[in-house]
PDB file of N, CA and C in Angstrom:
ATOM      1  N   MET A   1     -28.513 -10.224 -20.175  1.00  0.00           N
ATOM      2  CA  MET A   1     -27.397 -10.540 -19.531  1.00  0.00           C
ATOM      3  C   MET A   1     -27.654 -11.172 -18.396  1.00  0.00           C
ATOM      4  N   ALA A   2     -26.928 -12.395 -18.085  1.00  0.00           N
ATOM      5  CA  ALA A   2     -27.035 -13.179 -16.838  1.00  0.00           C
ATOM      6  C   ALA A   2     -26.332 -12.603 -15.646  1.00  0.00           C
ATOM      7  N   ALA A   3     -26.916 -12.763 -14.791  1.00  0.00           N
ATOM      8  CA  ALA A   3     -26.427 -12.346 -13.385  1.00  0.00           C
ATOM      9  C   ALA A   3     -25.099 -13.098 -12.890  1.00  0.00           C
ATOM     10  N   SER A   4     -24.206 -12.416 -12.470  1.00  0.00           N
ATOM     11  CA  SER A   4     -22.741 -13.007 -12.133  1.00  0.00           C
ATOM     12  C   SER A   4     -23.044 -14.149 -10.912  1.00  0.00           C
ATOM     13  N   ARG A   5     -22.294 -15.102 -10.938  1.00  0.00           N
ATOM     14  CA  ARG A   5     -22.439 -16.245 -10.008  1.00  0.00           C
ATOM     15  C   ARG A   5     -21.576 -15.937  -8.796  1.00  0.00           C
ATOM     16  N   LEU A   6     -20.556 -14.875  -8.943  1.00  0.00           N
ATOM     17  CA  LEU A   6     -19.832 -14.647  -7.930  1.00  0.00           C
ATOM     18  C   LEU A   6     -20.529 -13.983  -6.622  1.00  0.00           C
ATOM     19  N   PRO A   7     -20.117 -14.194  -5.456  1.00  0.00           N
ATOM     20  CA  PRO A   7     -20.761 -13.577  -4.272  1.00  0.00           C
ATOM     21  C   PRO A   7     -20.437 -12.074  -4.478  1.00  0.00           C
ATOM     22  N   PRO A   8     -21.248 -11.334  -3.751  1.00  0.00           N
ATOM     23  CA  PRO A   8     -21.086  -9.641  -3.881  1.00  0.00           C
ATOM     24  C   PRO A   8     -19.707  -9.204  -3.287  1.00  0.00           C
ATOM     25  N   ALA A   9     -19.202 -10.230  -2.308  1.00  0.00           N
ATOM     26  CA  ALA A   9     -18.108  -9.821  -1.531  1.00  0.00           C
ATOM     27  C   ALA A   9     -16.742 -10.092  -2.287  1.00  0.00           C
ATOM     28  N   THR A  10     -16.900 -10.648  -3.475  1.00  0.00           N
ATOM     29  CA  THR A  10     -15.681 -11.296  -4.181  1.00  0.00           C
ATOM     30  C   THR A  10     -14.757  -9.940  -4.472  1.00  0.00           C
ATOM     31  N   LEU A  11     -13.544 -10.127  -4.518  1.00  0.00           N
ATOM     32  CA  LEU A  11     -12.698  -9.160  -4.780  1.00  0.00           C
ATOM     33  C   LEU A  11     -12.467  -8.907  -6.305  1.00  0.00           C
ATOM     34  N   THR A  12     -12.112  -7.898  -6.878  1.00  0.00           N
ATOM     35  CA  THR A  12     -11.873  -7.833  -8.389  1.00  0.00           C
ATOM     36  C   THR A  12     -10.290  -8.103  -8.456  1.00  0.00           C
ATOM     37  N   LEU A  13      -9.850  -8.171  -9.638  1.00  0.00           N
ATOM     38  CA  LEU A  13      -8.511  -8.708  -9.829  1.00  0.00           C
ATOM     39  C   LEU A  13      -7.419  -7.677  -9.133  1.00  0.00           C
ATOM     40  N   LYS A  14      -7.714  -6.428  -9.381  1.00  0.00           N
ATOM     41  CA  LYS A  14      -7.037  -5.462  -8.978  1.00  0.00           C
ATOM     42  C   LYS A  14      -7.062  -5.218  -7.312  1.00  0.00           C
ATOM     43  N   GLN A  15      -8.192  -5.668  -6.714  1.00  0.00           N
ATOM     44  CA  GLN A  15      -8.324  -5.651  -5.310  1.00  0.00           C
ATOM     45  C   GLN A  15      -7.336  -6.654  -4.608  1.00  0.00           C
ATOM     46  N   PHE A  16      -7.549  -7.828  -5.346  1.00  0.00           N
ATOM     47  CA  PHE A  16      -6.834  -9.247  -4.996  1.00  0.00           C
ATOM     48  C   PHE A  16      -5.291  -8.768  -5.063  1.00  0.00           C
ATOM     49  N   VAL A  17      -4.928  -8.249  -5.938  1.00  0.00           N
ATOM     50  CA  VAL A  17      -3.379  -8.038  -6.339  1.00  0.00           C
ATOM     51  C   VAL A  17      -2.912  -7.132  -5.195  1.00  0.00           C
ATOM     52  N   ARG A  18      -3.709  -6.040  -5.055  1.00  0.00           N
ATOM     53  CA  ARG A  18      -3.324  -4.971  -4.050  1.00  0.00           C
ATOM     54  C   ARG A  18      -3.320  -5.764  -2.439  1.00  0.00           C
ATOM     55  N   ARG A  19      -4.227  -6.509  -2.245  1.00  0.00           N
ATOM     56  CA  ARG A  19      -4.409  -7.091  -0.899  1.00  0.00           C
ATOM     57  C   ARG A  19      -2.954  -8.098  -0.792  1.00  0.00           C
ATOM     58  N   GLN A  20      -2.628  -8.758  -1.878  1.00  0.00           N
ATOM     59  CA  GLN A  20      -1.506  -9.676  -1.894  1.00  0.00           C
ATOM     60  C   GLN A  20      -0.130  -8.673  -1.644  1.00  0.00           C
ATOM     61  N   GLN A  21      -0.289  -7.561  -2.159  1.00  0.00           N
ATOM     62  CA  GLN A  21       0.885  -6.571  -2.076  1.00  0.00           C
ATOM     63  C   GLN A  21       1.078  -6.060  -0.593  1.00  0.00           C
ATOM     64  N   VAL A  22      -0.088  -5.819  -0.050  1.00  0.00           N
ATOM     65  CA  VAL A  22      -0.207  -5.361   1.290  1.00  0.00           C
ATOM     66  C   VAL A  22       0.246  -6.129   2.398  1.00  0.00           C
ATOM     67  N   LEU A  23      -0.183  -7.566   2.249  1.00  0.00           N
ATOM     68  CA  LEU A  23       0.169  -8.618   3.037  1.00  0.00           C
ATOM     69  C   LEU A  23       1.668  -9.031   2.931  1.00  0.00           C
ATOM     70  N   LEU A  24       2.290  -8.921   1.689  1.00  0.00           N
ATOM     71  CA  LEU A  24       3.734  -9.127   1.670  1.00  0.00           C
ATOM     72  C   LEU A  24       4.301  -8.021   2.192  1.00  0.00           C
ATOM     73  N   LEU A  25       4.088  -6.708   2.231  1.00  0.00           N
ATOM     74  CA  LEU A  25       4.657  -5.554   2.626  1.00  0.00           C
ATOM     75  C   LEU A  25       4.574  -5.999   4.274  1.00  0.00           C
ATOM     76  N   TYR A  26       3.524  -6.333   4.922  1.00  0.00           N
ATOM     77  CA  TYR A  26       3.432  -6.673   6.279  1.00  0.00           C
ATOM     78  C   TYR A  26       4.113  -7.389   6.838  1.00  0.00           C
ATOM     79  N   ARG A  27       4.359  -8.692   6.021  1.00  0.00           N
ATOM     80  CA  ARG A  27       5.418  -9.657   6.205  1.00  0.00           C
ATOM     81  C   ARG A  27       6.954  -9.271   6.313  1.00  0.00           C
ATOM     82  N   ARG A  28       7.160  -8.418   5.455  1.00  0.00           N
ATOM     83  CA  ARG A  28       8.314  -7.777   5.119  1.00  0.00           C
ATOM     84  C   ARG A  28       8.809  -6.741   6.290  1.00  0.00           C
ATOM     85  N   ILE A  29       7.740  -6.176   6.694  1.00  0.00           N
ATOM     86  CA  ILE A  29       8.027  -5.228   7.835  1.00  0.00           C
ATOM     87  C   ILE A  29       8.332  -6.137   9.242  1.00  0.00           C
ATOM     88  N   LEU A  30       7.632  -7.081   9.426  1.00  0.00           N
ATOM     89  CA  LEU A  30       7.700  -7.910  10.521  1.00  0.00           C
ATOM     90  C   LEU A  30       9.104  -8.549  10.376  1.00  0.00           C
ATOM     91  N   GLN A  31       9.713  -9.065   9.252  1.00  0.00           N
ATOM     92  CA  GLN A  31      10.828  -9.645   9.189  1.00  0.00           C
ATOM     93  C   GLN A  31      11.932  -8.664   9.521  1.00  0.00           C
ATOM     94  N   THR A  32      11.733  -7.408   8.981  1.00  0.00           N
ATOM     95  CA  THR A  32      12.837  -6.457   9.343  1.00  0.00           C
ATOM     96  C   THR A  32      12.842  -6.097  10.636  1.00  0.00           C
ATOM     97  N   ILE A  33      11.643  -6.109  11.364  1.00  0.00           N
ATOM     98  CA  ILE A  33      11.519  -5.713  12.786  1.00  0.00           C
ATOM     99  C   ILE A  33      12.298  -6.619  13.590  1.00  0.00           C
ATOM    100  N   ARG A  34      12.187  -7.951  13.245  1.00  0.00           N
ATOM    101  CA  ARG A  34      12.894  -9.129  13.983  1.00  0.00           C
ATOM    102  C   ARG A  34      14.328  -8.794  14.020  1.00  0.00           C
ATOM    103  N   GLN A  35      14.979  -7.898  13.289  1.00  0.00           N
ATOM    104  CA  GLN A  35      16.334  -7.759  12.998  1.00  0.00           C
ATOM    105  C   GLN A  35      16.816  -6.605  14.094  1.00  0.00           C
ATOM    106  N   VAL A  36      15.866  -5.857  14.640  1.00  0.00           N
ATOM    107  CA  VAL A  36      16.090  -4.903  15.662  1.00  0.00           C
ATOM    108  C   VAL A  36      16.604  -5.509  17.005  1.00  0.00           C
ATOM    109  N   PRO A  37      17.871  -5.088  17.226  1.00  0.00           N
ATOM    110  CA  PRO A  37      18.535  -5.765  18.246  1.00  0.00           C
ATOM    111  C   PRO A  37      17.760  -5.449  19.651  1.00  0.00           C
ATOM    112  N   ASN A  38      17.309  -4.436  19.880  1.00  0.00           N
ATOM    113  CA  ASN A  38      16.707  -3.939  21.334  1.00  0.00           C
ATOM    114  C   ASN A  38      15.320  -4.607  21.466  1.00  0.00           C
ATOM    115  N   ASP A  39      15.296  -5.278  22.457  1.00  0.00           N
ATOM    116  CA  ASP A  39      13.846  -5.933  22.657  1.00  0.00           C
ATOM    117  C   ASP A  39      12.579  -4.907  22.715  1.00  0.00           C
ATOM    118  N   SER A  40      12.865  -3.858  23.684  1.00  0.00           N
ATOM    119  CA  SER A  40      11.766  -3.005  23.817  1.00  0.00           C
ATOM    120  C   SER A  40      11.556  -2.160  22.330  1.00  0.00           C
ATOM    121  N   ASP A  41      12.474  -1.834  21.686  1.00  0.00           N
ATOM    122  CA  ASP A  41      12.341  -1.114  20.263  1.00  0.00           C
ATOM    123  C   ASP A  41      11.756  -2.246  19.374  1.00  0.00           C
ATOM    124  N   ARG A  42      11.892  -3.550  19.585  1.00  0.00           N
ATOM    125  CA  ARG A  42      11.393  -4.514  18.557  1.00  0.00           C
ATOM    126  C   ARG A  42       9.860  -4.564  18.793  1.00  0.00           C
ATOM    127  N   LYS A  43       9.572  -4.800  20.167  1.00  0.00           N
ATOM    128  CA  LYS A  43       8.037  -4.705  20.770  1.00  0.00           C
ATOM    129  C   LYS A  43       7.284  -3.494  20.186  1.00  0.00           C
ATOM    130  N   TYR A  44       7.835  -2.358  20.332  1.00  0.00           N
ATOM    131  CA  TYR A  44       7.261  -1.167  19.957  1.00  0.00           C
ATOM    132  C   TYR A  44       6.896  -1.091  18.557  1.00  0.00           C
ATOM    133  N   LEU A  45       7.945  -1.413  17.774  1.00  0.00           N
ATOM    134  CA  LEU A  45       7.785  -1.545  16.326  1.00  0.00           C
ATOM    135  C   LEU A  45       6.874  -2.487  15.754  1.00  0.00           C
ATOM    136  N   LYS A  46       6.880  -3.561  16.443  1.00  0.00           N
ATOM    137  CA  LYS A  46       5.778  -4.687  16.065  1.00  0.00           C
ATOM    138  C   LYS A  46       4.283  -4.215  16.426  1.00  0.00           C
ATOM    139  N   ASP A  47       4.219  -3.645  17.555  1.00  0.00           N
ATOM    140  CA  ASP A  47       2.805  -3.034  18.036  1.00  0.00           C
ATOM    141  C   ASP A  47       2.302  -2.094  16.885  1.00  0.00           C
ATOM    142  N   TRP A  48       3.402  -0.896  16.829  1.00  0.00           N
ATOM    143  CA  TRP A  48       3.014  -0.086  15.826  1.00  0.00           C
ATOM    144  C   TRP A  48       2.590  -0.257  14.500  1.00  0.00           C
ATOM    145  N   ALA A  49       3.475  -1.446  13.949  1.00  0.00           N
ATOM    146  CA  ALA A  49       2.895  -1.744  12.621  1.00  0.00           C
ATOM    147  C   ALA A  49       1.606  -2.472  12.640  1.00  0.00           C
ATOM    148  N   ARG A  50       1.533  -3.395  13.596  1.00  0.00           N
ATOM    149  CA  ARG A  50       0.192  -4.098  13.750  1.00  0.00           C
ATOM    150  C   ARG A  50      -1.026  -3.189  13.676  1.00  0.00           C
ATOM    151  N   GLU A  51      -0.891  -2.152  14.694  1.00  0.00           N
ATOM    152  CA  GLU A  51      -1.967  -0.981  14.995  1.00  0.00           C
ATOM    153  C   GLU A  51      -2.176  -0.215  13.521  1.00  0.00           C
ATOM    154  N   GLU A  52      -1.118   0.231  12.782  1.00  0.00           N
ATOM    155  CA  GLU A  52      -1.278   0.917  11.682  1.00  0.00           C
ATOM    156  C   GLU A  52      -2.175   0.118  10.551  1.00  0.00           C
ATOM    157  N   PHE A  53      -1.848  -1.420  10.394  1.00  0.00           N
ATOM    158  CA  PHE A  53      -2.488  -2.091   9.465  1.00  0.00           C
ATOM    159  C   PHE A  53      -3.838  -2.207   9.929  1.00  0.00           C
ATOM    160  N   LYS A  54      -3.992  -2.407  11.184  1.00  0.00           N
ATOM    161  CA  LYS A  54      -5.440  -2.410  11.801  1.00  0.00           C
ATOM    162  C   LYS A  54      -6.256  -1.356  11.572  1.00  0.00           C
ATOM    163  N   ARG A  55      -5.593  -0.220  11.600  1.00  0.00           N
ATOM    164  CA  ARG A  55      -6.376   1.200  11.541  1.00  0.00           C
ATOM    165  C   ARG A  55      -6.741   1.178   9.927  1.00  0.00           C
ATOM    166  N   ASN A  56      -5.771   0.901   9.162  1.00  0.00           N
ATOM    167  CA  ASN A  56      -5.923   0.996   7.830  1.00  0.00           C
ATOM    168  C   ASN A  56      -6.721  -0.148   7.000  1.00  0.00           C
ATOM    169  N   LYS A  57      -7.269  -1.019   7.839  1.00  0.00           N
ATOM    170  CA  LYS A  57      -7.795  -2.361   7.325  1.00  0.00           C
ATOM    171  C   LYS A  57      -8.903  -2.079   6.466  1.00  0.00           C
ATOM    172  N   SER A  58      -9.732  -0.987   6.534  1.00  0.00           N
ATOM    173  CA  SER A  58     -10.959  -0.894   5.706  1.00  0.00           C
ATOM    174  C   SER A  58     -10.572   0.172   4.569  1.00  0.00           C
ATOM    175  N   ALA A  59      -9.503   0.629   4.382  1.00  0.00           N
ATOM    176  CA  ALA A  59      -9.218   1.635   3.339  1.00  0.00           C
ATOM    177  C   ALA A  59      -9.339   1.129   1.993  1.00  0.00           C
ATOM    178  N   THR A  60      -9.963   1.706   1.159  1.00  0.00           N
ATOM    179  CA  THR A  60     -10.140   1.107  -0.097  1.00  0.00           C
ATOM    180  C   THR A  60      -9.491   2.199  -1.197  1.00  0.00           C
ATOM    181  N   GLU A  61      -9.207   3.442  -0.839  1.00  0.00           N
ATOM    182  CA  GLU A  61      -8.758   4.411  -1.881  1.00  0.00           C
ATOM    183  C   GLU A  61      -7.199   4.251  -1.885  1.00  0.00           C
ATOM    184  N   GLU A  62      -6.710   4.156  -3.119  1.00  0.00           N
ATOM    185  CA  GLU A  62      -5.173   4.327  -3.314  1.00  0.00           C
ATOM    186  C   GLU A  62      -4.648   5.572  -3.072  1.00  0.00           C
ATOM    187  N   ALA A  63      -3.601   5.502  -2.302  1.00  0.00           N
ATOM    188  CA  ALA A  63      -2.792   6.755  -1.819  1.00  0.00           C
ATOM    189  C   ALA A  63      -2.137   6.914  -3.153  1.00  0.00           C
ATOM    190  N   SER A  64      -1.842   8.514  -3.400  1.00  0.00           N
ATOM    191  CA  SER A  64      -0.954   8.965  -4.400  1.00  0.00           C
ATOM    192  C   SER A  64       0.435   8.683  -3.993  1.00  0.00           C
ATOM    193  N   PRO A  65       1.420   8.560  -5.129  1.00  0.00           N
ATOM    194  CA  PRO A  65       2.858   8.424  -4.806  1.00  0.00           C
ATOM    195  C   PRO A  65       3.315   9.513  -3.738  1.00  0.00           C
ATOM    196  N   THR A  66       2.972  10.649  -3.846  1.00  0.00           N
ATOM    197  CA  THR A  66       3.199  11.841  -2.698  1.00  0.00           C
ATOM    198  C   THR A  66       2.818  11.501  -1.463  1.00  0.00           C
ATOM    199  N   THR A  67       1.541  11.098  -1.464  1.00  0.00           N
ATOM    200  CA  THR A  67       1.028  10.679  -0.181  1.00  0.00           C
ATOM    201  C   THR A  67       1.705   9.602   0.580  1.00  0.00           C
ATOM    202  N   GLU A  68       2.030   8.590  -0.244  1.00  0.00           N
ATOM    203  CA  GLU A  68       2.995   7.243   0.151  1.00  0.00           C
ATOM    204  C   GLU A  68       4.322   7.927   0.577  1.00  0.00           C
ATOM    205  N   ALA A  69       4.978   8.710  -0.258  1.00  0.00           N
ATOM    206  CA  ALA A  69       6.033   9.264   0.192  1.00  0.00           C
ATOM    207  C   ALA A  69       6.331   9.874   1.410  1.00  0.00           C
ATOM    208  N   GLN A  70       5.137  10.698   1.685  1.00  0.00           N
ATOM    209  CA  GLN A  70       5.005  11.524   3.008  1.00  0.00           C
ATOM    210  C   GLN A  70       4.827  10.325   4.245  1.00  0.00           C
ATOM    211  N   ASP A  71       3.812   9.446   3.987  1.00  0.00           N
ATOM    212  CA  ASP A  71       3.780   8.263   5.066  1.00  0.00           C
ATOM    213  C   ASP A  71       4.977   7.675   5.296  1.00  0.00           C
ATOM    214  N   LEU A  72       5.837   7.301   4.431  1.00  0.00           N
ATOM    215  CA  LEU A  72       7.094   6.721   4.627  1.00  0.00           C
ATOM    216  C   LEU A  72       8.114   7.557   5.508  1.00  0.00           C
ATOM    217  N   LYS A  73       8.173   8.859   5.039  1.00  0.00           N
ATOM    218  CA  LYS A  73       8.931   9.881   5.725  1.00  0.00           C
ATOM    219  C   LYS A  73       8.512   9.986   7.228  1.00  0.00           C
ATOM    220  N   GLU A  74       7.297   9.889   7.402  1.00  0.00           N
ATOM    221  CA  GLU A  74       6.692  10.053   8.897  1.00  0.00           C
ATOM    222  C   GLU A  74       7.029   8.476   9.593  1.00  0.00           C
ATOM    223  N   ALA A  75       6.842   7.487   8.897  1.00  0.00           N
ATOM    224  CA  ALA A  75       7.164   6.400   9.403  1.00  0.00           C
ATOM    225  C   ALA A  75       8.685   6.103   9.811  1.00  0.00           C
ATOM    226  N   ASN A  76       9.609   6.501   9.019  1.00  0.00           N
ATOM    227  CA  ASN A  76      10.990   6.440   9.098  1.00  0.00           C
ATOM    228  C   ASN A  76      11.352   7.496  10.430  1.00  0.00           C
ATOM    229  N   GLY A  77      10.660   8.530  10.460  1.00  0.00           N
ATOM    230  CA  GLY A  77      10.907   9.419  11.631  1.00  0.00           C
ATOM    231  C   GLY A  77      10.574   8.817  12.985  1.00  0.00           C
ATOM    232  N   THR A  78       9.354   8.011  13.030  1.00  0.00           N
ATOM    233  CA  THR A  78       8.840   7.241  14.161  1.00  0.00           C
ATOM    234  C   THR A  78       9.821   6.170  14.414  1.00  0.00           C
ATOM    235  N   VAL A  79      10.387   5.513  13.589  1.00  0.00           N
ATOM    236  CA  VAL A  79      11.398   4.531  13.675  1.00  0.00           C
ATOM    237  C   VAL A  79      12.821   5.124  14.335  1.00  0.00           C
ATOM    238  N   LYS A  80      13.009   6.147  13.685  1.00  0.00           N
ATOM    239  CA  LYS A  80      14.333   6.738  14.313  1.00  0.00           C
ATOM    240  C   LYS A  80      14.192   7.264  15.647  1.00  0.00           C
ATOM    241  N   THR A  81      13.100   7.558  16.082  1.00  0.00           N
ATOM    242  CA  THR A  81      12.927   8.080  17.550  1.00  0.00           C
ATOM    243  C   THR A  81      13.066   6.757  18.516  1.00  0.00           C
ATOM    244  N   THR A  82      12.787   5.775  17.972  1.00  0.00           N
ATOM    245  CA  THR A  82      12.820   4.475  18.742  1.00  0.00           C
ATOM    246  C   THR A  82      14.324   3.827  18.997  1.00  0.00           C
ATOM    247  N   GLY A  83      15.462   4.432  18.237  1.00  0.00           N
ATOM    248  CA  GLY A  83      16.735   4.063  18.604  1.00  0.00           C
ATOM    249  C   GLY A  83      17.180   3.449  16.991  1.00  0.00           C
ATOM    250  N   VAL A  84      16.461   3.099  16.051  1.00  0.00           N
ATOM    251  CA  VAL A  84      16.975   2.365  14.994  1.00  0.00           C
ATOM    252  C   VAL A  84      17.530   3.571  14.015  1.00  0.00           C
ATOM    253  N   HIS A  85      18.717   3.299  13.514  1.00  0.00           N
ATOM    254  CA  HIS A  85      19.496   4.442  12.743  1.00  0.00           C
ATOM    255  C   HIS A  85      18.712   4.970  11.571  1.00  0.00           C
ATOM    256  N   SER A  86      18.201   3.908  10.479  1.00  0.00           N
ATOM    257  CA  SER A  86      17.335   4.210   9.339  1.00  0.00           C
ATOM    258  C   SER A  86      16.905   2.994   8.704  1.00  0.00           C
ATOM    259  N   ILE A  87      15.711   3.399   8.231  1.00  0.00           N
ATOM    260  CA  ILE A  87      14.881   2.367   7.481  1.00  0.00           C
ATOM    261  C   ILE A  87      14.857   2.880   5.880  1.00  0.00           C
ATOM    262  N   CYS A  88      15.258   2.107   5.001  1.00  0.00           N
ATOM    263  CA  CYS A  88      15.219   2.290   3.555  1.00  0.00           C
ATOM    264  C   CYS A  88      14.154   1.574   2.956  1.00  0.00           C
ATOM    265  N   VAL A  89      13.082   2.312   2.313  1.00  0.00           N
ATOM    266  CA  VAL A  89      11.918   1.492   1.757  1.00  0.00           C
ATOM    267  C   VAL A  89      11.897   1.709   0.352  1.00  0.00           C
ATOM    268  N   ARG A  90      11.784   0.573  -0.677  1.00  0.00           N
ATOM    269  CA  ARG A  90      11.894   0.726  -2.005  1.00  0.00           C
ATOM    270  C   ARG A  90      11.054  -0.353  -2.403  1.00  0.00           C
ATOM    271  N   GLU A  91       9.743   0.086  -3.026  1.00  0.00           N
ATOM    272  CA  GLU A  91       8.764  -0.674  -3.589  1.00  0.00           C
ATOM    273  C   GLU A  91       8.436  -1.908  -2.668  1.00  0.00           C
ATOM    274  N   PHE A  92       8.041  -1.724  -1.639  1.00  0.00           N
ATOM    275  CA  PHE A  92       7.613  -2.956  -0.605  1.00  0.00           C
ATOM    276  C   PHE A  92       8.742  -3.548  -0.194  1.00  0.00           C
ATOM    277  N   SER A  93      10.059  -3.075  -0.285  1.00  0.00           N
ATOM    278  CA  SER A  93      11.130  -4.059   0.066  1.00  0.00           C
ATOM    279  C   SER A  93      12.107  -3.206   1.282  1.00  0.00           C
ATOM    280  N   LEU A  94      11.972  -3.781   2.423  1.00  0.00           N
ATOM    281  CA  LEU A  94      12.367  -3.000   3.468  1.00  0.00           C
ATOM    282  C   LEU A  94      13.898  -3.585   3.919  1.00  0.00           C
ATOM    283  N   ASP A  95      14.782  -2.602   4.122  1.00  0.00           N
ATOM    284  CA  ASP A  95      16.168  -3.342   4.486  1.00  0.00           C
ATOM    285  C   ASP A  95      16.700  -2.395   5.638  1.00  0.00           C
ATOM    286  N   LEU A  96      16.951  -2.992   6.605  1.00  0.00           N
ATOM    287  CA  LEU A  96      17.236  -2.340   7.850  1.00  0.00           C
ATOM    288  C   LEU A  96      18.790  -2.100   7.932  1.00  0.00           C
ATOM    289  N   GLY A  97      19.273  -0.702   8.242  1.00  0.00           N
ATOM    290  CA  GLY A  97      20.554  -0.333   8.059  1.00  0.00           C
ATOM    291  C   GLY A  97      21.058   0.071   9.709  1.00  0.00           C
ATOM    292  N   LEU A  98      21.776  -1.017  10.161  1.00  0.00           N
ATOM    293  CA  LEU A  98      22.133  -0.480  11.707  1.00  0.00           C
ATOM    294  C   LEU A  98      23.473  -0.015  11.626  1.00  0.00           C
TER     295      LEU A  98
END
């Protein structure tokens, strides 16, 4: 069998799709944060989102739905402490409810 012509760092289809989903999630989070009326809250949330994505940049393991639900609960609690009333997350779609 012939060796692959693809470079070793090439993503598989599943990895590529997951990467696109993560980038879409990041963009939607930033779009939602732009709707926060308070400047200091907006800056805090933007910095928090950026740091969380940077911290998990090298993650390769997919989280179980239970872990993802727990992470979303924790994120929602963090957002509530900054003065935003609620965040509703459904399948990578964020909607800010003020």
